[in-house]
Protein backbone atom coordinates (compact mmCIF):
# COMPACT_ATOMS: atom_id res chain seq x y z
CA UNK A 1 68.81 61.32 138.17
CA UNK A 2 72.34 60.00 137.88
CA UNK A 3 73.36 60.52 134.21
CA UNK A 4 75.97 58.24 132.69
CA UNK A 5 75.79 59.92 129.28
CA UNK A 6 74.04 63.24 128.66
CA UNK A 7 73.44 65.59 125.71
CA UNK A 8 71.86 62.90 123.53
CA UNK A 9 68.98 63.32 121.09
CA UNK A 10 67.11 60.10 121.94
CA UNK A 11 68.87 57.06 123.33
CA UNK A 12 67.44 53.60 122.71
CA UNK A 13 68.30 49.89 122.61
CA UNK A 14 70.86 49.82 125.45
CA UNK A 15 72.87 46.61 125.69
CA UNK A 16 75.39 45.46 128.28
CA UNK A 17 78.16 43.59 126.45
CA UNK A 18 81.93 43.17 126.67
CA UNK A 19 82.07 45.21 129.88
CA UNK A 20 80.51 48.25 128.24
CA UNK A 21 77.09 49.81 127.77
CA UNK A 22 76.16 50.05 124.08
CA UNK A 23 73.28 52.17 122.79
CA UNK A 24 71.80 53.86 119.74
CA UNK A 25 71.05 57.57 119.50
CA UNK A 26 68.13 57.64 117.05
CA UNK A 27 68.36 61.22 115.87
CA UNK A 28 72.08 61.57 116.35
CA UNK A 29 72.51 58.74 113.82
CA UNK A 30 75.17 57.00 115.89
CA UNK A 31 75.83 53.86 117.91
CA UNK A 32 78.08 54.44 120.91
CA UNK A 33 79.46 52.55 123.87
CA UNK A 34 80.66 53.70 127.26
CA UNK A 35 82.08 52.35 130.49
CA UNK A 36 79.57 52.08 133.35
CA UNK A 37 80.96 55.14 135.09
CA UNK A 38 80.37 57.26 131.97
CA UNK A 39 84.00 57.40 130.88
CA UNK A 40 85.58 56.38 127.57
CA UNK A 41 82.61 57.21 125.32
CA UNK A 42 83.27 55.61 121.93
CA UNK A 43 81.68 56.00 118.52
CA UNK A 44 80.95 52.48 117.30
CA UNK A 45 79.09 53.23 114.06
CA UNK A 46 77.41 56.02 112.13
CA UNK A 47 73.97 55.09 110.78
CA UNK A 48 72.40 57.97 108.82
CA UNK A 49 69.01 56.25 108.45
CA UNK A 50 68.51 56.06 112.21
CA UNK A 51 69.95 53.22 114.33
CA UNK A 52 67.89 51.18 116.75
CA UNK A 53 68.19 47.55 117.89
CA UNK A 54 71.63 46.07 118.52
CA UNK A 55 72.97 42.53 118.78
CA UNK A 56 75.96 40.36 117.97
CA UNK A 57 76.67 37.43 115.71
CA UNK A 58 78.45 34.44 117.30
CA UNK A 59 81.79 35.62 115.88
CA UNK A 60 81.44 39.01 117.57
CA UNK A 61 80.35 41.15 114.63
CA UNK A 62 77.82 43.80 115.56
CA UNK A 63 74.33 43.87 114.02
CA UNK A 64 72.50 47.21 113.87
CA UNK A 65 68.93 47.98 112.86
CA UNK A 66 68.74 50.85 110.37
CA UNK A 67 65.21 52.08 110.84
CA UNK A 68 64.21 54.28 107.93
CA UNK A 69 65.62 52.22 105.06
CA UNK A 70 64.54 49.01 106.84
CA UNK A 71 67.92 47.36 106.67
CA UNK A 72 69.78 45.18 109.13
CA UNK A 73 73.43 46.20 109.00
CA UNK A 74 76.53 44.21 109.96
CA UNK A 75 79.74 45.81 111.12
CA UNK A 76 82.74 44.05 109.63
CA UNK A 77 85.89 43.39 111.62
CA UNK A 78 87.45 46.37 109.84
CA UNK A 79 84.62 48.61 111.06
CA UNK A 80 82.74 49.04 107.78
CA UNK A 81 78.96 48.64 107.69
CA UNK A 82 77.52 46.06 105.29
CA UNK A 83 73.93 45.07 104.52
CA UNK A 84 73.14 41.89 106.43
CA UNK A 85 69.47 41.76 105.38
CA UNK A 86 66.98 43.95 103.51
CA UNK A 87 63.55 44.00 105.17
CA UNK A 88 62.11 46.81 103.05
CA UNK A 89 59.70 44.46 101.28
CA UNK A 90 58.66 42.82 104.55
CA UNK A 91 58.23 45.51 107.23
CA UNK A 92 55.21 47.84 107.12
CA UNK A 93 56.85 50.61 109.11
CA UNK A 94 60.24 51.72 110.39
CA UNK A 95 62.29 48.85 111.73
CA UNK A 96 62.70 49.03 115.48
CA UNK A 97 64.16 46.89 118.23
CA UNK A 98 65.47 43.33 117.94
CA UNK A 99 67.03 40.47 119.84
CA UNK A 100 69.76 38.16 118.49
CA UNK A 101 70.07 34.58 119.71
CA UNK A 102 73.23 32.57 120.35
CA UNK A 103 73.12 31.17 116.80
CA UNK A 104 73.01 34.64 115.25
CA UNK A 105 69.31 34.66 114.38
CA UNK A 106 67.80 38.13 114.76
CA UNK A 107 64.15 38.74 115.61
CA UNK A 108 63.28 42.20 114.30
CA UNK A 109 60.16 44.26 115.01
CA UNK A 110 58.78 47.24 113.14
CA UNK A 111 56.36 50.11 113.76
CA UNK A 112 53.65 48.79 111.42
CA UNK A 113 52.36 52.32 110.68
CA UNK A 114 53.56 55.90 110.32
CA UNK A 115 53.88 56.71 114.01
CA UNK A 116 55.64 60.05 113.67
CA UNK A 117 53.47 61.11 110.72
CA UNK A 118 50.25 60.72 112.67
CA UNK A 119 49.00 57.54 111.00
CA UNK A 120 46.40 55.23 112.47
CA UNK A 121 47.68 52.37 114.57
CA UNK A 122 48.12 49.13 112.60
CA UNK A 123 49.46 45.80 113.88
CA UNK A 124 52.80 44.58 112.55
CA UNK A 125 54.71 41.37 112.00
CA UNK A 126 57.88 40.07 113.61
CA UNK A 127 60.58 38.82 111.25
CA UNK A 128 63.49 36.47 111.80
CA UNK A 129 66.74 37.13 109.99
CA UNK A 130 68.94 34.04 109.77
CA UNK A 131 72.75 34.32 109.78
CA UNK A 132 72.80 34.10 105.97
CA UNK A 133 70.44 37.09 105.71
CA UNK A 134 67.28 35.14 104.88
CA UNK A 135 64.16 36.93 106.15
CA UNK A 136 61.14 34.96 107.45
CA UNK A 137 57.91 36.25 108.93
CA UNK A 138 57.47 34.43 112.25
CA UNK A 139 54.54 36.23 113.91
CA UNK A 140 51.74 38.56 112.86
CA UNK A 141 49.17 40.87 114.44
CA UNK A 142 51.48 42.35 117.05
CA UNK A 143 50.57 45.77 118.42
CA UNK A 144 53.91 47.51 117.90
CA UNK A 145 56.42 44.68 118.52
CA UNK A 146 59.18 46.29 120.52
CA UNK A 147 61.75 45.24 123.12
CA UNK A 148 62.32 41.49 122.93
CA UNK A 149 64.34 39.03 125.00
CA UNK A 150 65.05 35.30 124.94
CA UNK A 151 64.81 33.56 128.28
CA UNK A 152 67.04 30.77 129.57
CA UNK A 153 64.33 28.22 128.74
CA UNK A 154 64.23 29.40 125.10
CA UNK A 155 61.07 31.52 125.25
CA UNK A 156 60.90 34.68 123.16
CA UNK A 157 59.16 37.56 124.92
CA UNK A 158 57.93 40.43 122.76
CA UNK A 159 56.67 43.71 124.17
CA UNK A 160 53.53 44.95 122.43
CA UNK A 161 53.88 48.62 123.31
CA UNK A 162 50.43 49.69 122.16
CA UNK A 163 48.69 46.43 123.10
CA UNK A 164 48.91 46.54 126.91
CA UNK A 165 50.75 43.22 126.94
CA UNK A 166 53.88 41.13 126.62
CA UNK A 167 53.53 38.09 124.38
CA UNK A 168 55.50 34.85 124.69
CA UNK A 169 56.45 32.24 122.11
CA UNK A 170 58.27 28.94 122.46
CA UNK A 171 61.13 28.58 119.99
CA UNK A 172 61.88 25.50 117.94
CA UNK A 173 65.48 24.39 117.24
CA UNK A 174 65.19 26.08 113.84
CA UNK A 175 64.10 29.37 115.35
CA UNK A 176 60.40 29.17 114.49
CA UNK A 177 57.87 30.47 117.01
CA UNK A 178 55.11 28.32 118.49
CA UNK A 179 52.61 28.29 121.37
CA UNK A 180 51.78 31.98 121.29
CA UNK A 181 50.37 33.22 124.58
CA UNK A 182 50.11 36.25 126.83
CA UNK A 183 53.01 36.41 129.28
CA UNK A 184 51.84 39.61 130.97
CA UNK A 185 48.57 41.48 130.43
CA UNK A 186 48.23 45.01 131.77
CA UNK A 187 44.86 45.92 130.25
CA UNK A 188 42.61 45.16 127.29
CA UNK A 189 43.58 45.79 123.69
CA UNK A 190 42.66 49.35 122.72
CA UNK A 191 39.30 49.62 121.01
CA UNK A 192 40.42 52.31 118.56
CA UNK A 193 43.07 52.55 115.86
CA UNK A 194 43.34 56.33 116.20
CA UNK A 195 46.73 56.78 117.84
CA UNK A 196 45.63 59.55 120.20
CA UNK A 197 42.82 57.31 121.43
CA UNK A 198 45.12 54.30 121.70
CA UNK A 199 47.47 56.15 124.04
CA UNK A 200 44.65 57.06 126.43
CA UNK A 201 43.76 53.36 126.76
CA UNK A 202 47.23 52.16 127.71
CA UNK A 203 47.70 50.98 131.28
CA UNK A 204 51.34 50.03 130.61
CA UNK A 205 53.15 50.64 127.32
CA UNK A 206 56.02 48.12 127.51
CA UNK A 207 58.86 49.65 125.51
CA UNK A 208 62.47 48.49 125.88
CA UNK A 209 63.24 45.70 128.32
CA UNK A 210 65.97 43.53 129.77
CA UNK A 211 66.12 40.17 131.50
CA UNK A 212 67.35 39.71 135.03
CA UNK A 213 69.39 36.58 135.87
CA UNK A 214 66.44 35.07 137.76
CA UNK A 215 64.20 35.18 134.67
CA UNK A 216 62.26 38.26 135.70
CA UNK A 217 61.98 41.22 133.35
CA UNK A 218 62.58 44.94 133.65
CA UNK A 219 60.57 47.12 131.29
CA UNK A 220 60.39 50.83 130.57
CA UNK A 221 56.81 52.07 130.44
CA UNK A 222 56.69 54.30 127.38
CA UNK A 223 53.68 56.37 128.46
CA UNK A 224 54.40 56.61 132.18
CA UNK A 225 57.67 57.80 133.75
CA UNK A 226 58.56 54.50 135.37
CA UNK A 227 60.41 51.21 135.18
CA UNK A 228 58.54 48.05 136.12
CA UNK A 229 60.00 44.80 137.40
CA UNK A 230 57.83 41.96 136.08
CA UNK A 231 57.83 38.50 137.64
CA UNK A 232 58.01 35.25 135.71
CA UNK A 233 54.24 34.93 136.20
CA UNK A 234 53.61 38.35 134.64
CA UNK A 235 52.96 40.14 137.94
CA UNK A 236 54.44 43.54 138.80
CA UNK A 237 57.05 43.04 141.52
CA UNK A 238 58.22 46.62 141.93
CA UNK A 239 58.07 50.05 140.35
CA UNK A 240 60.79 52.68 140.06
CA UNK A 241 59.92 56.26 139.18
CA UNK A 242 63.15 58.07 138.26
CA UNK A 243 61.50 61.46 137.78
CA UNK A 244 61.74 61.43 133.98
CA UNK A 245 60.16 59.47 131.13
CA UNK A 246 62.17 56.35 130.25
CA UNK A 247 62.01 54.25 127.10
CA UNK A 248 64.46 51.35 127.41
CA UNK A 249 66.74 49.70 129.94
CA UNK A 250 69.72 47.39 130.37
CA UNK A 251 70.94 45.56 133.45
CA UNK A 252 74.53 45.04 134.59
CA UNK A 253 74.73 43.30 137.95
CA UNK A 254 72.59 45.36 140.31
CA UNK A 255 72.79 48.48 138.13
CA UNK A 256 69.93 49.40 135.84
CA UNK A 257 70.71 51.75 132.96
CA UNK A 258 67.67 53.57 131.55
CA UNK A 259 67.26 55.71 128.42
CA UNK A 260 65.58 58.95 129.46
CA UNK A 261 64.13 61.80 127.41
CA UNK A 262 61.37 64.41 127.82
CA UNK A 263 59.22 62.60 125.21
CA UNK A 264 59.51 60.26 122.21
CA UNK A 265 58.40 62.66 119.44
CA UNK A 266 60.72 63.00 116.49
CA UNK A 267 60.82 66.73 115.81
CA UNK A 268 61.51 68.00 119.34
CA UNK A 269 64.10 65.27 119.94
CA UNK A 270 65.90 65.99 116.66
CA UNK A 271 66.18 69.63 117.58
CA UNK A 272 67.50 69.22 121.10
CA UNK A 273 70.04 67.34 123.17
CA UNK A 274 67.95 66.74 126.26
CA UNK A 275 68.15 62.94 126.46
CA UNK A 276 70.43 60.95 128.71
CA UNK A 277 71.20 57.50 129.99
CA UNK A 278 70.74 57.34 133.73
CA UNK A 279 71.99 54.83 136.29
CA UNK A 280 69.77 53.33 138.99
CA UNK A 281 70.78 50.88 141.71
CA UNK A 282 68.22 48.12 141.99
CA UNK A 283 67.06 46.98 145.43
């Protein structure tokens, strides 16, 4: 491993923006950024209710998912956090990752069930938050909607971590989602809703992801210690095994940054600083 940042609780939602790597530390309750060589680590925001997905409005203000209270926060130019949208009456589990488009529309996923409390798996919806804070349900029956990206041809890709698949939608000019289809299928949908059984039926658990300039996709496999490079036709082009479990990734040029931790369980990660962001040179 080649750590860029170490001694984290659980890093997630890495983003390459403004010449820096940005990321959330779930159980540290902070959003930070760092230069690609690991220097100049900055605190960007403190989010007590657990930060996750990150994105930016067109004017440069940072949006942050606050997981436990199911809020989307906006960092003002003065650095204060404000409520951008309240999804507490919409989401059926902790908010999770998101992607923000060029117009400032955020597509936000949620767990759909009490993952850390041992609840049975339940599908969830994807919600769009418009720049004025309006919340709209845009897709349903997603098996843990997670890392999402928007391709150059305006297709939204959503990782269904516990569904063995990546799902694609075409986007209308207003940000609605149409033409739902499988973009990549790694195995059948699990036949059980018991979480322990679900995990045993996962071939690939697509967690966090990032687009490459050629339209291919890098994904972290949440139940196998590997990163997969997925072609535009959904095929697996290459596999990287960094020697540690990885849960999300970001790409800067030919450098892949991956969020690594021993596992994704809340209690052990809260009580330790064993997570890191590692750097991998792509072929």
